[in-house]
PDB file of N, CA and C in Angstrom:
ATOM      1  N   MET A   1      27.523 -64.633 -25.635  1.00  0.00           N
ATOM      2  CA  MET A   1      28.398 -64.479 -24.257  1.00  0.00           C
ATOM      3  C   MET A   1      28.214 -65.755 -23.682  1.00  0.00           C
ATOM      4  N   ASN A   2      29.782 -65.558 -22.881  1.00  0.00           N
ATOM      5  CA  ASN A   2      30.133 -67.092 -22.376  1.00  0.00           C
ATOM      6  C   ASN A   2      29.283 -67.351 -20.936  1.00  0.00           C
ATOM      7  N   ALA A   3      29.938 -68.541 -20.378  1.00  0.00           N
ATOM      8  CA  ALA A   3      29.116 -68.957 -19.238  1.00  0.00           C
ATOM      9  C   ALA A   3      29.266 -67.619 -17.948  1.00  0.00           C
ATOM     10  N   GLU A   4      30.525 -67.333 -17.865  1.00  0.00           N
ATOM     11  CA  GLU A   4      30.871 -66.432 -17.040  1.00  0.00           C
ATOM     12  C   GLU A   4      30.289 -65.139 -17.042  1.00  0.00           C
ATOM     13  N   GLU A   5      30.024 -64.565 -18.203  1.00  0.00           N
ATOM     14  CA  GLU A   5      29.186 -63.224 -18.607  1.00  0.00           C
ATOM     15  C   GLU A   5      27.734 -63.470 -18.307  1.00  0.00           C
ATOM     16  N   PHE A   6      27.059 -64.601 -18.677  1.00  0.00           N
ATOM     17  CA  PHE A   6      25.722 -64.764 -18.581  1.00  0.00           C
ATOM     18  C   PHE A   6      25.546 -64.918 -17.093  1.00  0.00           C
ATOM     19  N   TYR A   7      26.168 -65.776 -16.234  1.00  0.00           N
ATOM     20  CA  TYR A   7      26.282 -65.869 -14.990  1.00  0.00           C
ATOM     21  C   TYR A   7      26.043 -64.576 -13.991  1.00  0.00           C
ATOM     22  N   LYS A   8      26.876 -63.664 -14.539  1.00  0.00           N
ATOM     23  CA  LYS A   8      26.713 -62.120 -14.101  1.00  0.00           C
ATOM     24  C   LYS A   8      25.780 -61.357 -14.204  1.00  0.00           C
ATOM     25  N   ARG A   9      25.401 -61.569 -15.427  1.00  0.00           N
ATOM     26  CA  ARG A   9      24.016 -61.060 -15.612  1.00  0.00           C
ATOM     27  C   ARG A   9      22.824 -61.789 -15.122  1.00  0.00           C
ATOM     28  N   ILE A  10      22.749 -63.030 -14.539  1.00  0.00           N
ATOM     29  CA  ILE A  10      21.795 -63.845 -14.003  1.00  0.00           C
ATOM     30  C   ILE A  10      21.686 -62.820 -12.549  1.00  0.00           C
ATOM     31  N   LEU A  11      22.879 -62.947 -12.095  1.00  0.00           N
ATOM     32  CA  LEU A  11      23.201 -62.220 -10.741  1.00  0.00           C
ATOM     33  C   LEU A  11      22.576 -60.902 -10.639  1.00  0.00           C
ATOM     34  N   SER A  12      22.658 -59.747 -11.514  1.00  0.00           N
ATOM     35  CA  SER A  12      22.585 -58.617 -11.663  1.00  0.00           C
ATOM     36  C   SER A  12      21.159 -58.420 -11.983  1.00  0.00           C
ATOM     37  N   ASP A  13      20.430 -59.002 -12.692  1.00  0.00           N
ATOM     38  CA  ASP A  13      18.866 -59.077 -12.988  1.00  0.00           C
ATOM     39  C   ASP A  13      18.016 -60.037 -12.368  1.00  0.00           C
ATOM     40  N   PRO A  14      17.232 -59.521 -11.508  1.00  0.00           N
ATOM     41  CA  PRO A  14      16.485 -60.532 -10.656  1.00  0.00           C
ATOM     42  C   PRO A  14      15.326 -61.379 -11.726  1.00  0.00           C
ATOM     43  N   ALA A  15      14.812 -60.535 -12.639  1.00  0.00           N
ATOM     44  CA  ALA A  15      13.858 -61.088 -13.407  1.00  0.00           C
ATOM     45  C   ALA A  15      14.406 -62.243 -14.379  1.00  0.00           C
ATOM     46  N   LEU A  16      15.523 -62.008 -14.873  1.00  0.00           N
ATOM     47  CA  LEU A  16      16.449 -62.942 -15.473  1.00  0.00           C
ATOM     48  C   LEU A  16      16.800 -64.323 -14.634  1.00  0.00           C
ATOM     49  N   GLY A  17      17.049 -63.643 -13.620  1.00  0.00           N
ATOM     50  CA  GLY A  17      17.389 -65.090 -12.684  1.00  0.00           C
ATOM     51  C   GLY A  17      16.233 -65.865 -12.336  1.00  0.00           C
ATOM     52  N   ALA A  18      15.056 -65.258 -12.144  1.00  0.00           N
ATOM     53  CA  ALA A  18      13.681 -65.896 -11.882  1.00  0.00           C
ATOM     54  C   ALA A  18      13.409 -66.763 -13.151  1.00  0.00           C
ATOM     55  N   ALA A  19      13.736 -66.147 -14.402  1.00  0.00           N
ATOM     56  CA  ALA A  19      13.364 -67.141 -15.572  1.00  0.00           C
ATOM     57  C   ALA A  19      14.429 -67.880 -15.642  1.00  0.00           C
ATOM     58  N   PHE A  20      15.557 -67.925 -15.183  1.00  0.00           N
ATOM     59  CA  PHE A  20      16.874 -68.932 -15.236  1.00  0.00           C
ATOM     60  C   PHE A  20      16.067 -70.262 -14.509  1.00  0.00           C
ATOM     61  N   GLU A  21      15.675 -69.652 -13.482  1.00  0.00           N
ATOM     62  CA  GLU A  21      15.215 -70.897 -12.291  1.00  0.00           C
ATOM     63  C   GLU A  21      14.176 -71.607 -13.016  1.00  0.00           C
ATOM     64  N   GLU A  22      13.078 -70.901 -13.691  1.00  0.00           N
ATOM     65  CA  GLU A  22      12.111 -71.543 -14.239  1.00  0.00           C
ATOM     66  C   GLU A  22      12.248 -72.299 -15.307  1.00  0.00           C
ATOM     67  N   ALA A  23      13.171 -72.106 -16.067  1.00  0.00           N
ATOM     68  CA  ALA A  23      13.782 -72.680 -17.181  1.00  0.00           C
ATOM     69  C   ALA A  23      14.532 -73.981 -16.812  1.00  0.00           C
ATOM     70  N   ILE A  24      15.320 -73.908 -15.589  1.00  0.00           N
ATOM     71  CA  ILE A  24      15.874 -75.331 -15.051  1.00  0.00           C
ATOM     72  C   ILE A  24      14.915 -76.060 -14.608  1.00  0.00           C
ATOM     73  N   ASP A  25      13.861 -75.448 -13.684  1.00  0.00           N
ATOM     74  CA  ASP A  25      12.488 -76.508 -13.286  1.00  0.00           C
ATOM     75  C   ASP A  25      11.637 -77.278 -14.553  1.00  0.00           C
ATOM     76  N   SER A  26      11.659 -76.395 -15.655  1.00  0.00           N
ATOM     77  CA  SER A  26      11.041 -76.929 -16.708  1.00  0.00           C
ATOM     78  C   SER A  26      11.706 -77.781 -17.777  1.00  0.00           C
ATOM     79  N   GLY A  27      13.149 -77.751 -17.533  1.00  0.00           N
ATOM     80  CA  GLY A  27      13.668 -78.810 -18.320  1.00  0.00           C
ATOM     81  C   GLY A  27      14.179 -78.250 -19.663  1.00  0.00           C
ATOM     82  N   SER A  28      13.974 -76.685 -19.684  1.00  0.00           N
ATOM     83  CA  SER A  28      14.334 -76.070 -20.980  1.00  0.00           C
ATOM     84  C   SER A  28      15.461 -74.949 -20.890  1.00  0.00           C
ATOM     85  N   LEU A  29      16.571 -75.482 -20.092  1.00  0.00           N
ATOM     86  CA  LEU A  29      17.770 -74.592 -19.982  1.00  0.00           C
ATOM     87  C   LEU A  29      18.447 -74.345 -21.388  1.00  0.00           C
ATOM     88  N   SER A  30      18.730 -75.287 -21.983  1.00  0.00           N
ATOM     89  CA  SER A  30      19.377 -74.727 -23.398  1.00  0.00           C
ATOM     90  C   SER A  30      18.664 -73.918 -24.116  1.00  0.00           C
ATOM     91  N   ASP A  31      17.477 -74.226 -24.121  1.00  0.00           N
ATOM     92  CA  ASP A  31      16.533 -73.302 -24.916  1.00  0.00           C
ATOM     93  C   ASP A  31      16.702 -72.047 -24.640  1.00  0.00           C
ATOM     94  N   PHE A  32      16.365 -71.730 -23.390  1.00  0.00           N
ATOM     95  CA  PHE A  32      16.419 -70.343 -22.695  1.00  0.00           C
ATOM     96  C   PHE A  32      17.996 -69.494 -22.977  1.00  0.00           C
ATOM     97  N   LEU A  33      19.138 -70.465 -22.622  1.00  0.00           N
ATOM     98  CA  LEU A  33      20.470 -69.895 -22.930  1.00  0.00           C
ATOM     99  C   LEU A  33      20.313 -69.494 -24.229  1.00  0.00           C
ATOM    100  N   SER A  34      20.042 -70.198 -25.181  1.00  0.00           N
ATOM    101  CA  SER A  34      20.023 -69.614 -26.702  1.00  0.00           C
ATOM    102  C   SER A  34      19.248 -68.489 -26.888  1.00  0.00           C
ATOM    103  N   ALA A  35      18.091 -68.313 -26.176  1.00  0.00           N
ATOM    104  CA  ALA A  35      17.121 -67.212 -26.531  1.00  0.00           C
ATOM    105  C   ALA A  35      17.826 -66.253 -25.914  1.00  0.00           C
ATOM    106  N   ASN A  36      18.478 -66.359 -24.865  1.00  0.00           N
ATOM    107  CA  ASN A  36      19.190 -64.790 -24.052  1.00  0.00           C
ATOM    108  C   ASN A  36      20.489 -64.550 -24.654  1.00  0.00           C
ATOM    109  N   GLY A  37      21.029 -65.187 -25.715  1.00  0.00           N
ATOM    110  CA  GLY A  37      22.475 -65.017 -26.412  1.00  0.00           C
ATOM    111  C   GLY A  37      23.574 -65.491 -25.401  1.00  0.00           C
ATOM    112  N   CYS A  38      23.561 -66.645 -24.853  1.00  0.00           N
ATOM    113  CA  CYS A  38      24.682 -67.465 -24.271  1.00  0.00           C
ATOM    114  C   CYS A  38      24.858 -68.458 -25.111  1.00  0.00           C
ATOM    115  N   THR A  39      26.239 -68.254 -25.507  1.00  0.00           N
ATOM    116  CA  THR A  39      26.682 -69.304 -26.327  1.00  0.00           C
ATOM    117  C   THR A  39      27.294 -70.737 -25.396  1.00  0.00           C
ATOM    118  N   ALA A  40      27.209 -70.586 -24.103  1.00  0.00           N
ATOM    119  CA  ALA A  40      27.636 -71.787 -23.279  1.00  0.00           C
ATOM    120  C   ALA A  40      26.488 -72.936 -23.397  1.00  0.00           C
ATOM    121  N   SER A  41      26.989 -74.043 -23.250  1.00  0.00           N
ATOM    122  CA  SER A  41      25.849 -75.317 -23.084  1.00  0.00           C
ATOM    123  C   SER A  41      25.111 -75.144 -21.691  1.00  0.00           C
ATOM    124  N   ALA A  42      24.182 -75.879 -21.479  1.00  0.00           N
ATOM    125  CA  ALA A  42      23.657 -76.026 -20.017  1.00  0.00           C
ATOM    126  C   ALA A  42      24.580 -76.491 -19.156  1.00  0.00           C
ATOM    127  N   ASP A  43      25.219 -77.869 -19.725  1.00  0.00           N
ATOM    128  CA  ASP A  43      26.437 -78.204 -18.710  1.00  0.00           C
ATOM    129  C   ASP A  43      27.487 -77.384 -18.389  1.00  0.00           C
ATOM    130  N   GLU A  44      27.815 -76.541 -19.307  1.00  0.00           N
ATOM    131  CA  GLU A  44      29.128 -75.827 -19.374  1.00  0.00           C
ATOM    132  C   GLU A  44      28.457 -74.418 -18.202  1.00  0.00           C
ATOM    133  N   LEU A  45      27.319 -74.056 -18.137  1.00  0.00           N
ATOM    134  CA  LEU A  45      27.043 -72.897 -17.585  1.00  0.00           C
ATOM    135  C   LEU A  45      26.567 -73.585 -16.092  1.00  0.00           C
ATOM    136  N   THR A  46      26.175 -74.759 -15.779  1.00  0.00           N
ATOM    137  CA  THR A  46      25.843 -75.347 -14.483  1.00  0.00           C
ATOM    138  C   THR A  46      27.381 -75.718 -13.923  1.00  0.00           C
ATOM    139  N   ALA A  47      28.214 -76.116 -14.582  1.00  0.00           N
ATOM    140  CA  ALA A  47      29.495 -76.203 -14.029  1.00  0.00           C
ATOM    141  C   ALA A  47      30.260 -75.003 -13.434  1.00  0.00           C
ATOM    142  N   TYR A  48      30.047 -74.006 -14.490  1.00  0.00           N
ATOM    143  CA  TYR A  48      30.485 -72.826 -14.003  1.00  0.00           C
ATOM    144  C   TYR A  48      29.888 -72.302 -12.571  1.00  0.00           C
ATOM    145  N   ILE A  49      28.831 -72.125 -12.598  1.00  0.00           N
ATOM    146  CA  ILE A  49      27.859 -71.795 -11.352  1.00  0.00           C
ATOM    147  C   ILE A  49      28.258 -72.862 -10.194  1.00  0.00           C
ATOM    148  N   ALA A  50      28.495 -73.883 -10.291  1.00  0.00           N
ATOM    149  CA  ALA A  50      28.901 -74.934  -9.563  1.00  0.00           C
ATOM    150  C   ALA A  50      30.436 -74.516  -8.645  1.00  0.00           C
ATOM    151  N   GLU A  51      31.210 -73.990  -9.537  1.00  0.00           N
ATOM    152  CA  GLU A  51      32.605 -73.569  -9.522  1.00  0.00           C
ATOM    153  C   GLU A  51      32.492 -72.345  -8.703  1.00  0.00           C
ATOM    154  N   HIS A  52      31.569 -71.457  -8.836  1.00  0.00           N
ATOM    155  CA  HIS A  52      31.778 -70.104  -8.522  1.00  0.00           C
ATOM    156  C   HIS A  52      30.666 -69.800  -7.451  1.00  0.00           C
ATOM    157  N   SER A  53      30.084 -70.578  -6.983  1.00  0.00           N
ATOM    158  CA  SER A  53      29.020 -70.318  -5.941  1.00  0.00           C
ATOM    159  C   SER A  53      29.179 -70.951  -4.646  1.00  0.00           C
TER     160      SER A  53
END
């Protein structure tokens, strides 16, 4: 799934959102995205979020 789809999933799933924040804090965002089926890079996702929040 792309950045937009994954961002919508994060917003709709509080547990995933919490895990997302933990991945950012621990510096493992790229691994987290891959493990959760997101094809966007960490940079692409954070840029998408910055544009849409």
